[in-house]
Amino acid sequence: MKRLNLILLMLGATMIFIGCQKDKLTDTEQLKQQEVYLKAEPVEFAGVSTPVATINPGIVTVLPNGMVRISGMIAEWYENPDPDDPYYTGQSIWYETWLIDPDGKTAKVWGKTDLNLDGDIGTWKMSWHGYIYAYEGYDLRDGLVPCTAEALVLGQGKSGVVKGMVSRANYEMDFNGDLSTFFWSFSGTYH
């Protein structure tokens, strides 16, 4: 009887294992999906990202070499492509780290972003890096000063209509001190 129970238990475990394996793709199936993905035509988009709120200004640390690190900064923005593209329109949360040079003229910036699409139709998870350059005569350590900025933003669709997709966008800013110029212009592709 114990032998029969052991055989039935092993048979059941084998059936569960095989049943679970059905949901996984074979290497050949994965390669076919990648081929389809690589052949997909990229969709171009462009627009503006406008500030909504600063959720956390971050923690400022002066490093021994004179550089200033700002970590834990969190800001909310609104991504608005033109014409309206539901695959890239929505609220974004930017998690930022800054490393400002000792002279305050340049900062390296990087972080992660969650873009939650309007209508709750999906979410992009993105990583980015870039630079900020203070206008002549200004110091980035003084807060919001006239500056230009550039960033490369790479995204992966994590849920909804964008799940499994990838995006690549260039963001640029030319803030001249007038708050009406405090926005990012972006352009990129997804597929």
N, C-alpha and C. Protein backbone atom coordinates (compact mmCIF):
# COMPACT_ATOMS: atom_id res chain seq x y z
N MET A 1 0.82 -1.18 0.00
CA MET A 1 0.00 0.00 0.00
C MET A 1 0.87 1.25 0.00
N LYS A 2 1.95 1.25 0.80
CA LYS A 2 2.83 2.41 0.84
C LYS A 2 3.46 2.64 -0.53
N ARG A 3 3.77 1.54 -1.22
CA ARG A 3 4.37 1.67 -2.55
C ARG A 3 3.38 2.29 -3.50
N LEU A 4 2.11 1.91 -3.45
CA LEU A 4 1.07 2.47 -4.31
C LEU A 4 0.90 3.96 -4.04
N ASN A 5 0.86 4.35 -2.76
CA ASN A 5 0.75 5.77 -2.40
C ASN A 5 1.94 6.57 -2.94
N LEU A 6 3.15 6.01 -2.84
CA LEU A 6 4.34 6.67 -3.33
C LEU A 6 4.26 6.84 -4.85
N ILE A 7 3.82 5.80 -5.55
CA ILE A 7 3.70 5.88 -7.01
C ILE A 7 2.66 6.94 -7.40
N LEU A 8 1.51 6.95 -6.69
CA LEU A 8 0.47 7.94 -6.98
C LEU A 8 0.97 9.36 -6.68
N LEU A 9 1.72 9.51 -5.61
CA LEU A 9 2.26 10.82 -5.26
C LEU A 9 3.24 11.28 -6.33
N MET A 10 4.12 10.41 -6.79
CA MET A 10 5.09 10.76 -7.84
C MET A 10 4.37 11.07 -9.15
N LEU A 11 3.33 10.30 -9.48
CA LEU A 11 2.55 10.55 -10.69
C LEU A 11 1.87 11.91 -10.61
N GLY A 12 1.31 12.23 -9.46
CA GLY A 12 0.66 13.53 -9.27
C GLY A 12 1.65 14.68 -9.39
N ALA A 13 2.81 14.54 -8.77
CA ALA A 13 3.84 15.58 -8.85
C ALA A 13 4.32 15.76 -10.28
N THR A 14 4.46 14.65 -11.02
CA THR A 14 4.87 14.72 -12.41
C THR A 14 3.82 15.45 -13.24
N MET A 15 2.55 15.15 -13.01
CA MET A 15 1.47 15.81 -13.76
C MET A 15 1.44 17.31 -13.46
N ILE A 16 1.64 17.67 -12.20
CA ILE A 16 1.67 19.09 -11.83
C ILE A 16 2.85 19.77 -12.51
N PHE A 17 4.03 19.11 -12.48
CA PHE A 17 5.21 19.69 -13.08
C PHE A 17 5.01 19.87 -14.59
N ILE A 18 4.49 18.86 -15.25
CA ILE A 18 4.25 18.94 -16.70
C ILE A 18 3.19 20.00 -16.99
N GLY A 19 2.17 20.05 -16.17
CA GLY A 19 1.12 21.06 -16.36
C GLY A 19 1.68 22.46 -16.20
N CYS A 20 2.57 22.68 -15.26
CA CYS A 20 3.17 23.99 -15.06
C CYS A 20 4.10 24.33 -16.22
N GLN A 21 4.76 23.32 -16.76
CA GLN A 21 5.68 23.57 -17.86
C GLN A 21 4.97 23.99 -19.13
N LYS A 22 3.70 23.65 -19.29
CA LYS A 22 2.96 24.03 -20.49
C LYS A 22 2.90 25.53 -20.65
N ASP A 23 2.86 26.28 -19.55
CA ASP A 23 2.76 27.73 -19.61
C ASP A 23 4.08 28.38 -20.02
N LYS A 24 5.18 27.68 -19.88
CA LYS A 24 6.49 28.23 -20.23
C LYS A 24 6.75 28.01 -21.72
N LEU A 25 7.43 28.99 -22.33
CA LEU A 25 7.77 28.88 -23.74
C LEU A 25 9.06 28.10 -23.92
N THR A 26 9.12 27.33 -24.97
CA THR A 26 10.36 26.65 -25.29
C THR A 26 11.34 27.68 -25.87
N ASP A 27 12.60 27.28 -25.98
CA ASP A 27 13.59 28.18 -26.56
C ASP A 27 13.20 28.59 -27.98
N THR A 28 12.68 27.65 -28.75
CA THR A 28 12.27 27.95 -30.12
C THR A 28 11.11 28.94 -30.14
N GLU A 29 10.13 28.74 -29.24
CA GLU A 29 9.00 29.67 -29.17
C GLU A 29 9.45 31.07 -28.74
N GLN A 30 10.42 31.13 -27.81
CA GLN A 30 10.94 32.42 -27.38
C GLN A 30 11.65 33.14 -28.53
N LEU A 31 12.44 32.39 -29.30
CA LEU A 31 13.13 32.98 -30.44
C LEU A 31 12.14 33.50 -31.48
N LYS A 32 11.06 32.75 -31.72
CA LYS A 32 10.03 33.21 -32.67
C LYS A 32 9.38 34.50 -32.18
N GLN A 33 9.10 34.60 -30.87
CA GLN A 33 8.51 35.82 -30.32
C GLN A 33 9.47 36.99 -30.47
N GLN A 34 10.77 36.76 -30.24
CA GLN A 34 11.75 37.82 -30.38
C GLN A 34 11.85 38.28 -31.83
N GLU A 35 11.76 37.35 -32.78
CA GLU A 35 11.79 37.73 -34.20
C GLU A 35 10.60 38.62 -34.55
N VAL A 36 9.42 38.26 -34.06
CA VAL A 36 8.23 39.08 -34.30
C VAL A 36 8.42 40.46 -33.70
N TYR A 37 8.94 40.50 -32.47
CA TYR A 37 9.16 41.77 -31.79
C TYR A 37 10.14 42.64 -32.58
N LEU A 38 11.27 42.05 -33.01
CA LEU A 38 12.29 42.81 -33.72
C LEU A 38 11.79 43.32 -35.07
N LYS A 39 10.83 42.63 -35.67
CA LYS A 39 10.29 43.05 -36.96
C LYS A 39 9.18 44.09 -36.82
N ALA A 40 8.70 44.31 -35.59
CA ALA A 40 7.62 45.26 -35.37
C ALA A 40 8.09 46.66 -35.73
N GLU A 41 7.23 47.40 -36.41
CA GLU A 41 7.54 48.77 -36.77
C GLU A 41 7.49 49.65 -35.54
N PRO A 42 8.53 50.42 -35.28
CA PRO A 42 8.49 51.32 -34.13
C PRO A 42 7.49 52.46 -34.38
N VAL A 43 6.84 52.87 -33.32
CA VAL A 43 5.91 53.99 -33.36
C VAL A 43 6.64 55.21 -32.81
N GLU A 44 6.65 56.30 -33.57
CA GLU A 44 7.31 57.52 -33.12
C GLU A 44 6.35 58.37 -32.31
N PHE A 45 6.88 59.06 -31.31
CA PHE A 45 6.08 59.97 -30.51
C PHE A 45 6.94 61.15 -30.10
N ALA A 46 6.29 62.25 -29.78
CA ALA A 46 6.98 63.46 -29.31
C ALA A 46 5.97 64.28 -28.52
N GLY A 47 6.46 65.07 -27.59
CA GLY A 47 5.56 65.89 -26.81
C GLY A 47 6.29 66.62 -25.70
N VAL A 48 5.54 66.95 -24.65
CA VAL A 48 6.10 67.66 -23.51
C VAL A 48 5.75 66.96 -22.21
N SER A 49 6.64 67.11 -21.25
CA SER A 49 6.44 66.60 -19.90
C SER A 49 6.43 67.82 -18.97
N THR A 50 5.31 68.03 -18.29
CA THR A 50 5.16 69.21 -17.44
C THR A 50 5.12 68.81 -15.97
N PRO A 51 5.68 69.66 -15.10
CA PRO A 51 5.73 69.33 -13.67
C PRO A 51 4.35 69.37 -13.03
N VAL A 52 4.12 68.44 -12.12
CA VAL A 52 2.88 68.41 -11.35
C VAL A 52 3.18 68.77 -9.89
N ALA A 53 4.16 68.06 -9.29
CA ALA A 53 4.48 68.31 -7.89
C ALA A 53 5.84 67.71 -7.54
N THR A 54 6.49 68.31 -6.56
CA THR A 54 7.68 67.71 -5.97
C THR A 54 7.20 66.95 -4.74
N ILE A 55 7.37 65.65 -4.78
CA ILE A 55 6.90 64.81 -3.68
C ILE A 55 7.92 64.79 -2.55
N ASN A 56 9.21 64.76 -2.92
CA ASN A 56 10.29 64.75 -1.93
C ASN A 56 11.48 65.48 -2.54
N PRO A 57 11.98 66.54 -1.91
CA PRO A 57 13.11 67.28 -2.47
C PRO A 57 14.44 66.53 -2.36
N GLY A 58 14.46 65.43 -1.63
CA GLY A 58 15.67 64.63 -1.50
C GLY A 58 16.55 65.06 -0.35
N ILE A 59 17.62 64.32 -0.19
CA ILE A 59 18.60 64.57 0.87
C ILE A 59 19.87 65.09 0.22
N VAL A 60 20.35 66.23 0.67
CA VAL A 60 21.55 66.86 0.12
C VAL A 60 22.75 66.47 0.98
N THR A 61 23.79 65.96 0.31
CA THR A 61 25.02 65.58 0.99
C THR A 61 26.21 66.22 0.28
N VAL A 62 27.03 66.97 1.01
CA VAL A 62 28.26 67.51 0.44
C VAL A 62 29.34 66.46 0.64
N LEU A 63 29.93 66.01 -0.45
CA LEU A 63 30.94 64.96 -0.40
C LEU A 63 32.32 65.56 -0.12
N PRO A 64 33.25 64.76 0.37
CA PRO A 64 34.60 65.27 0.70
C PRO A 64 35.31 65.92 -0.50
N ASN A 65 34.99 65.50 -1.71
CA ASN A 65 35.65 66.06 -2.90
C ASN A 65 34.97 67.35 -3.39
N GLY A 66 33.98 67.84 -2.63
CA GLY A 66 33.31 69.08 -3.00
C GLY A 66 32.07 68.90 -3.84
N MET A 67 31.85 67.69 -4.33
CA MET A 67 30.64 67.43 -5.10
C MET A 67 29.44 67.40 -4.16
N VAL A 68 28.26 67.66 -4.72
CA VAL A 68 27.03 67.63 -3.94
C VAL A 68 26.14 66.53 -4.51
N ARG A 69 25.72 65.62 -3.64
CA ARG A 69 24.81 64.55 -4.06
C ARG A 69 23.42 64.83 -3.48
N ILE A 70 22.43 64.74 -4.37
CA ILE A 70 21.04 64.82 -3.92
C ILE A 70 20.44 63.45 -4.21
N SER A 71 20.01 62.77 -3.17
CA SER A 71 19.44 61.44 -3.35
C SER A 71 18.03 61.41 -2.77
N GLY A 72 17.21 60.54 -3.33
CA GLY A 72 15.85 60.39 -2.83
C GLY A 72 14.87 61.44 -3.32
N MET A 73 15.26 62.23 -4.32
CA MET A 73 14.34 63.22 -4.87
C MET A 73 13.24 62.49 -5.65
N ILE A 74 12.00 62.91 -5.44
CA ILE A 74 10.86 62.31 -6.14
C ILE A 74 9.99 63.44 -6.67
N ALA A 75 9.69 63.38 -7.96
CA ALA A 75 8.86 64.42 -8.58
C ALA A 75 7.81 63.76 -9.47
N GLU A 76 6.67 64.43 -9.57
CA GLU A 76 5.58 63.95 -10.41
C GLU A 76 5.47 64.86 -11.63
N TRP A 77 5.37 64.26 -12.81
CA TRP A 77 5.26 64.98 -14.08
C TRP A 77 4.09 64.41 -14.87
N TYR A 78 3.71 65.10 -15.92
CA TYR A 78 2.66 64.60 -16.81
C TYR A 78 3.21 64.52 -18.23
N GLU A 79 3.22 63.31 -18.78
CA GLU A 79 3.72 63.07 -20.13
C GLU A 79 2.57 63.26 -21.11
N ASN A 80 2.74 64.19 -22.06
CA ASN A 80 1.66 64.54 -22.97
C ASN A 80 2.18 64.61 -24.41
N PRO A 81 2.14 63.50 -25.14
CA PRO A 81 2.58 63.53 -26.53
C PRO A 81 1.57 64.25 -27.42
N ASP A 82 2.05 64.74 -28.56
CA ASP A 82 1.19 65.43 -29.52
C ASP A 82 1.36 64.76 -30.88
N PRO A 83 0.34 64.25 -31.52
CA PRO A 83 -1.03 64.21 -31.01
C PRO A 83 -1.17 63.18 -29.89
N ASP A 84 -2.26 63.26 -29.18
CA ASP A 84 -2.49 62.39 -28.02
C ASP A 84 -2.23 60.93 -28.39
N ASP A 85 -1.33 60.30 -27.67
CA ASP A 85 -0.98 58.89 -27.87
C ASP A 85 -1.22 58.17 -26.56
N PRO A 86 -2.29 57.37 -26.47
CA PRO A 86 -2.61 56.73 -25.19
C PRO A 86 -1.51 55.79 -24.68
N TYR A 87 -0.58 55.38 -25.55
CA TYR A 87 0.48 54.47 -25.13
C TYR A 87 1.63 55.19 -24.44
N TYR A 88 1.56 56.56 -24.35
CA TYR A 88 2.63 57.30 -23.67
C TYR A 88 2.08 58.52 -22.93
N THR A 89 0.80 58.56 -22.67
CA THR A 89 0.18 59.70 -22.00
C THR A 89 -0.20 59.32 -20.57
N GLY A 90 0.26 60.12 -19.60
CA GLY A 90 -0.14 59.85 -18.23
C GLY A 90 0.78 60.47 -17.20
N GLN A 91 0.50 60.16 -15.94
CA GLN A 91 1.27 60.65 -14.80
C GLN A 91 2.55 59.82 -14.66
N SER A 92 3.65 60.52 -14.46
CA SER A 92 4.92 59.82 -14.25
C SER A 92 5.51 60.25 -12.91
N ILE A 93 6.13 59.31 -12.24
CA ILE A 93 6.83 59.56 -10.98
C ILE A 93 8.31 59.33 -11.26
N TRP A 94 9.11 60.36 -11.03
CA TRP A 94 10.55 60.32 -11.30
C TRP A 94 11.30 60.21 -9.97
N TYR A 95 12.10 59.16 -9.83
CA TYR A 95 12.95 58.94 -8.67
C TYR A 95 14.36 59.33 -9.10
N GLU A 96 14.91 60.39 -8.49
CA GLU A 96 16.10 61.03 -9.03
C GLU A 96 17.28 61.02 -8.05
N THR A 97 18.47 60.94 -8.64
CA THR A 97 19.72 61.17 -7.93
C THR A 97 20.52 62.17 -8.77
N TRP A 98 21.06 63.18 -8.11
CA TRP A 98 21.90 64.19 -8.75
C TRP A 98 23.30 64.11 -8.17
N LEU A 99 24.30 64.39 -9.01
CA LEU A 99 25.67 64.54 -8.55
C LEU A 99 26.20 65.82 -9.20
N ILE A 100 26.25 66.89 -8.39
CA ILE A 100 26.62 68.22 -8.89
C ILE A 100 28.12 68.42 -8.71
N ASP A 101 28.76 68.89 -9.79
CA ASP A 101 30.20 69.16 -9.75
C ASP A 101 30.51 70.24 -8.71
N PRO A 102 31.76 70.26 -8.19
CA PRO A 102 32.13 71.23 -7.15
C PRO A 102 31.89 72.69 -7.54
N ASP A 103 31.97 73.01 -8.83
CA ASP A 103 31.77 74.40 -9.25
C ASP A 103 30.29 74.75 -9.45
N GLY A 104 29.39 73.75 -9.35
CA GLY A 104 27.96 73.98 -9.47
C GLY A 104 27.46 74.22 -10.88
N LYS A 105 28.32 74.01 -11.87
CA LYS A 105 27.94 74.30 -13.26
C LYS A 105 27.29 73.12 -13.97
N THR A 106 27.61 71.89 -13.55
CA THR A 106 27.15 70.69 -14.24
C THR A 106 26.70 69.66 -13.21
N ALA A 107 25.68 68.91 -13.58
CA ALA A 107 25.24 67.80 -12.72
C ALA A 107 24.95 66.58 -13.58
N LYS A 108 25.39 65.45 -13.10
CA LYS A 108 24.98 64.18 -13.70
C LYS A 108 23.73 63.76 -12.94
N VAL A 109 22.69 63.32 -13.68
CA VAL A 109 21.44 62.90 -13.05
C VAL A 109 21.04 61.54 -13.58
N TRP A 110 20.38 60.74 -12.73
CA TRP A 110 19.91 59.43 -13.16
C TRP A 110 18.80 58.97 -12.23
N GLY A 111 18.11 57.91 -12.67
CA GLY A 111 17.08 57.37 -11.81
C GLY A 111 16.13 56.43 -12.54
N LYS A 112 14.97 56.26 -11.94
CA LYS A 112 13.92 55.39 -12.46
C LYS A 112 12.63 56.20 -12.55
N THR A 113 11.74 55.75 -13.40
CA THR A 113 10.46 56.43 -13.59
C THR A 113 9.37 55.39 -13.80
N ASP A 114 8.22 55.65 -13.19
CA ASP A 114 7.01 54.87 -13.46
C ASP A 114 6.06 55.78 -14.21
N LEU A 115 5.65 55.36 -15.41
CA LEU A 115 4.67 56.11 -16.19
C LEU A 115 3.37 55.32 -16.18
N ASN A 116 2.38 55.84 -15.45
CA ASN A 116 1.06 55.20 -15.35
C ASN A 116 0.14 55.85 -16.37
N LEU A 117 -0.24 55.08 -17.38
CA LEU A 117 -1.01 55.62 -18.49
C LEU A 117 -2.42 56.01 -18.08
N ASP A 118 -2.90 57.09 -18.68
CA ASP A 118 -4.27 57.55 -18.42
C ASP A 118 -5.27 56.41 -18.68
N GLY A 119 -6.34 56.39 -17.93
CA GLY A 119 -7.36 55.36 -18.08
C GLY A 119 -6.94 54.03 -17.49
N ASP A 120 -5.81 54.01 -16.75
CA ASP A 120 -5.32 52.80 -16.11
C ASP A 120 -5.16 51.65 -17.12
N ILE A 121 -4.62 52.00 -18.34
CA ILE A 121 -4.49 50.98 -19.39
C ILE A 121 -3.12 50.32 -19.42
N GLY A 122 -2.19 50.78 -18.58
CA GLY A 122 -0.88 50.14 -18.56
C GLY A 122 0.14 50.98 -17.83
N THR A 123 1.33 50.38 -17.65
CA THR A 123 2.42 51.04 -16.94
C THR A 123 3.75 50.76 -17.63
N TRP A 124 4.52 51.82 -17.79
CA TRP A 124 5.91 51.72 -18.23
C TRP A 124 6.81 51.82 -17.00
N LYS A 125 7.85 51.00 -16.95
CA LYS A 125 8.92 51.13 -15.96
C LYS A 125 10.14 51.58 -16.77
N MET A 126 10.74 52.72 -16.35
CA MET A 126 11.82 53.28 -17.14
C MET A 126 13.04 53.58 -16.29
N SER A 127 14.18 53.57 -16.92
CA SER A 127 15.40 54.04 -16.29
C SER A 127 15.97 55.14 -17.18
N TRP A 128 16.71 56.04 -16.59
CA TRP A 128 17.20 57.18 -17.36
C TRP A 128 18.50 57.71 -16.76
N HIS A 129 19.21 58.48 -17.60
CA HIS A 129 20.42 59.18 -17.15
C HIS A 129 20.63 60.39 -18.05
N GLY A 130 21.28 61.40 -17.50
CA GLY A 130 21.51 62.60 -18.29
C GLY A 130 22.37 63.61 -17.56
N TYR A 131 22.33 64.84 -18.09
CA TYR A 131 23.14 65.94 -17.54
C TYR A 131 22.31 67.21 -17.47
N ILE A 132 22.67 68.07 -16.51
CA ILE A 132 22.09 69.40 -16.38
C ILE A 132 23.25 70.39 -16.41
N TYR A 133 23.07 71.48 -17.18
CA TYR A 133 24.10 72.50 -17.31
C TYR A 133 23.52 73.86 -16.91
N ALA A 134 24.09 74.50 -15.91
CA ALA A 134 23.62 75.81 -15.48
C ALA A 134 23.98 76.86 -16.53
N TYR A 135 23.07 77.82 -16.71
CA TYR A 135 23.39 78.98 -17.55
C TYR A 135 24.62 79.68 -16.97
N GLU A 136 25.32 80.40 -17.82
CA GLU A 136 26.48 81.18 -17.39
C GLU A 136 26.10 82.10 -16.22
N GLY A 137 26.88 82.07 -15.17
CA GLY A 137 26.63 82.93 -14.01
C GLY A 137 25.71 82.32 -12.96
N TYR A 138 25.22 81.09 -13.18
CA TYR A 138 24.32 80.44 -12.22
C TYR A 138 24.98 79.20 -11.65
N ASP A 139 24.47 78.76 -10.50
CA ASP A 139 25.03 77.64 -9.77
C ASP A 139 23.89 76.66 -9.43
N LEU A 140 24.00 75.43 -9.88
CA LEU A 140 22.95 74.43 -9.65
C LEU A 140 22.72 74.15 -8.18
N ARG A 141 23.67 74.44 -7.34
CA ARG A 141 23.52 74.23 -5.90
C ARG A 141 22.55 75.23 -5.27
N ASP A 142 22.18 76.27 -6.04
CA ASP A 142 21.27 77.30 -5.53
C ASP A 142 19.80 76.95 -5.74
N GLY A 143 19.50 75.78 -6.26
CA GLY A 143 18.11 75.37 -6.47
C GLY A 143 17.69 75.52 -7.93
N LEU A 144 16.47 75.96 -8.14
CA LEU A 144 15.91 76.08 -9.48
C LEU A 144 16.48 77.31 -10.17
N VAL A 145 17.50 77.10 -11.01
CA VAL A 145 18.16 78.19 -11.72
C VAL A 145 18.07 77.93 -13.22
N PRO A 146 18.25 78.95 -14.04
CA PRO A 146 18.25 78.73 -15.49
C PRO A 146 19.28 77.68 -15.89
N CYS A 147 18.83 76.73 -16.70
CA CYS A 147 19.70 75.62 -17.08
C CYS A 147 19.17 74.94 -18.33
N THR A 148 20.03 74.15 -18.93
CA THR A 148 19.61 73.23 -19.98
C THR A 148 19.85 71.82 -19.44
N ALA A 149 19.12 70.88 -19.99
CA ALA A 149 19.25 69.49 -19.52
C ALA A 149 18.95 68.54 -20.66
N GLU A 150 19.50 67.36 -20.55
CA GLU A 150 19.24 66.30 -21.53
C GLU A 150 19.26 64.97 -20.80
N ALA A 151 18.41 64.06 -21.27
CA ALA A 151 18.37 62.73 -20.66
C ALA A 151 17.93 61.70 -21.69
N LEU A 152 18.45 60.51 -21.55
CA LEU A 152 18.04 59.36 -22.33
C LEU A 152 17.18 58.49 -21.43
N VAL A 153 15.96 58.18 -21.88
CA VAL A 153 15.00 57.42 -21.07
C VAL A 153 14.67 56.12 -21.80
N LEU A 154 14.93 54.99 -21.15
CA LEU A 154 14.65 53.67 -21.71
C LEU A 154 13.55 53.02 -20.89
N GLY A 155 12.51 52.53 -21.58
CA GLY A 155 11.37 51.97 -20.86
C GLY A 155 11.02 50.56 -21.28
N GLN A 156 10.34 49.88 -20.37
CA GLN A 156 9.82 48.55 -20.63
C GLN A 156 8.37 48.53 -20.15
N GLY A 157 7.48 48.12 -21.04
CA GLY A 157 6.08 48.01 -20.67
C GLY A 157 5.89 46.87 -19.69
N LYS A 158 5.33 47.18 -18.52
CA LYS A 158 5.17 46.16 -17.47
C LYS A 158 3.75 45.64 -17.32
N SER A 159 2.76 46.42 -17.78
CA SER A 159 1.38 45.94 -17.62
C SER A 159 0.48 46.56 -18.68
N GLY A 160 -0.69 45.96 -18.83
CA GLY A 160 -1.70 46.50 -19.72
C GLY A 160 -1.31 46.45 -21.19
N VAL A 161 -1.75 47.46 -21.95
CA VAL A 161 -1.56 47.47 -23.40
C VAL A 161 -0.10 47.59 -23.82
N VAL A 162 0.78 48.02 -22.91
CA VAL A 162 2.19 48.17 -23.27
C VAL A 162 3.06 47.03 -22.74
N LYS A 163 2.45 46.05 -22.11
CA LYS A 163 3.22 44.94 -21.53
C LYS A 163 4.07 44.28 -22.62
N GLY A 164 5.37 44.14 -22.33
CA GLY A 164 6.29 43.49 -23.26
C GLY A 164 6.88 44.43 -24.30
N MET A 165 6.41 45.66 -24.36
CA MET A 165 6.95 46.62 -25.31
C MET A 165 8.17 47.31 -24.71
N VAL A 166 8.95 47.98 -25.56
CA VAL A 166 10.08 48.77 -25.11
C VAL A 166 9.98 50.17 -25.71
N SER A 167 10.55 51.14 -25.02
CA SER A 167 10.56 52.51 -25.52
C SER A 167 11.94 53.11 -25.33
N ARG A 168 12.22 54.11 -26.14
CA ARG A 168 13.47 54.86 -26.04
C ARG A 168 13.12 56.30 -26.37
N ALA A 169 13.49 57.23 -25.49
CA ALA A 169 13.15 58.63 -25.73
C ALA A 169 14.30 59.54 -25.28
N ASN A 170 14.44 60.63 -25.98
CA ASN A 170 15.37 61.69 -25.61
C ASN A 170 14.55 62.84 -25.02
N TYR A 171 14.95 63.29 -23.85
CA TYR A 171 14.30 64.41 -23.17
C TYR A 171 15.27 65.59 -23.16
N GLU A 172 14.75 66.78 -23.45
CA GLU A 172 15.56 67.99 -23.43
C GLU A 172 14.80 69.11 -22.74
N MET A 173 15.54 69.96 -22.02
CA MET A 173 14.93 71.11 -21.35
C MET A 173 15.82 72.32 -21.56
N ASP A 174 15.20 73.48 -21.76
CA ASP A 174 15.91 74.75 -21.80
C ASP A 174 15.11 75.72 -20.93
N PHE A 175 15.42 75.70 -19.64
CA PHE A 175 14.72 76.54 -18.67
C PHE A 175 15.47 77.86 -18.53
N ASN A 176 14.84 78.95 -18.97
CA ASN A 176 15.53 80.25 -18.96
C ASN A 176 15.23 81.08 -17.70
N GLY A 177 14.59 80.49 -16.72
CA GLY A 177 14.25 81.20 -15.50
C GLY A 177 12.78 81.56 -15.42
N ASP A 178 12.11 81.60 -16.56
CA ASP A 178 10.67 81.86 -16.62
C ASP A 178 9.97 80.51 -16.45
N LEU A 179 9.08 80.37 -15.46
CA LEU A 179 8.44 79.08 -15.19
C LEU A 179 7.67 78.52 -16.38
N SER A 180 7.28 79.36 -17.34
CA SER A 180 6.59 78.84 -18.52
C SER A 180 7.54 78.01 -19.40
N THR A 181 8.85 78.09 -19.14
CA THR A 181 9.81 77.29 -19.91
C THR A 181 10.31 76.08 -19.11
N PHE A 182 9.69 75.82 -17.95
CA PHE A 182 10.12 74.70 -17.11
C PHE A 182 9.33 73.45 -17.50
N PHE A 183 9.78 72.78 -18.56
CA PHE A 183 9.18 71.53 -19.02
C PHE A 183 10.22 70.79 -19.84
N TRP A 184 10.00 69.49 -19.99
CA TRP A 184 10.85 68.67 -20.85
C TRP A 184 10.16 68.52 -22.20
N SER A 185 10.92 68.61 -23.27
CA SER A 185 10.45 68.21 -24.60
C SER A 185 11.02 66.81 -24.82
N PHE A 186 10.19 65.93 -25.35
CA PHE A 186 10.70 64.58 -25.59
C PHE A 186 10.30 64.08 -26.97
N SER A 187 11.10 63.15 -27.47
CA SER A 187 10.78 62.44 -28.72
C SER A 187 11.39 61.05 -28.62
N GLY A 188 10.73 60.09 -29.23
CA GLY A 188 11.24 58.74 -29.16
C GLY A 188 10.40 57.76 -29.94
N THR A 189 10.62 56.49 -29.65
CA THR A 189 9.89 55.41 -30.30
C THR A 189 9.55 54.34 -29.28
N TYR A 190 8.53 53.57 -29.59
CA TYR A 190 8.23 52.35 -28.84
C TYR A 190 7.75 51.29 -29.81
N HIS A 191 7.89 50.07 -29.40
CA HIS A 191 7.35 48.93 -30.16
C HIS A 191 7.32 47.70 -29.29
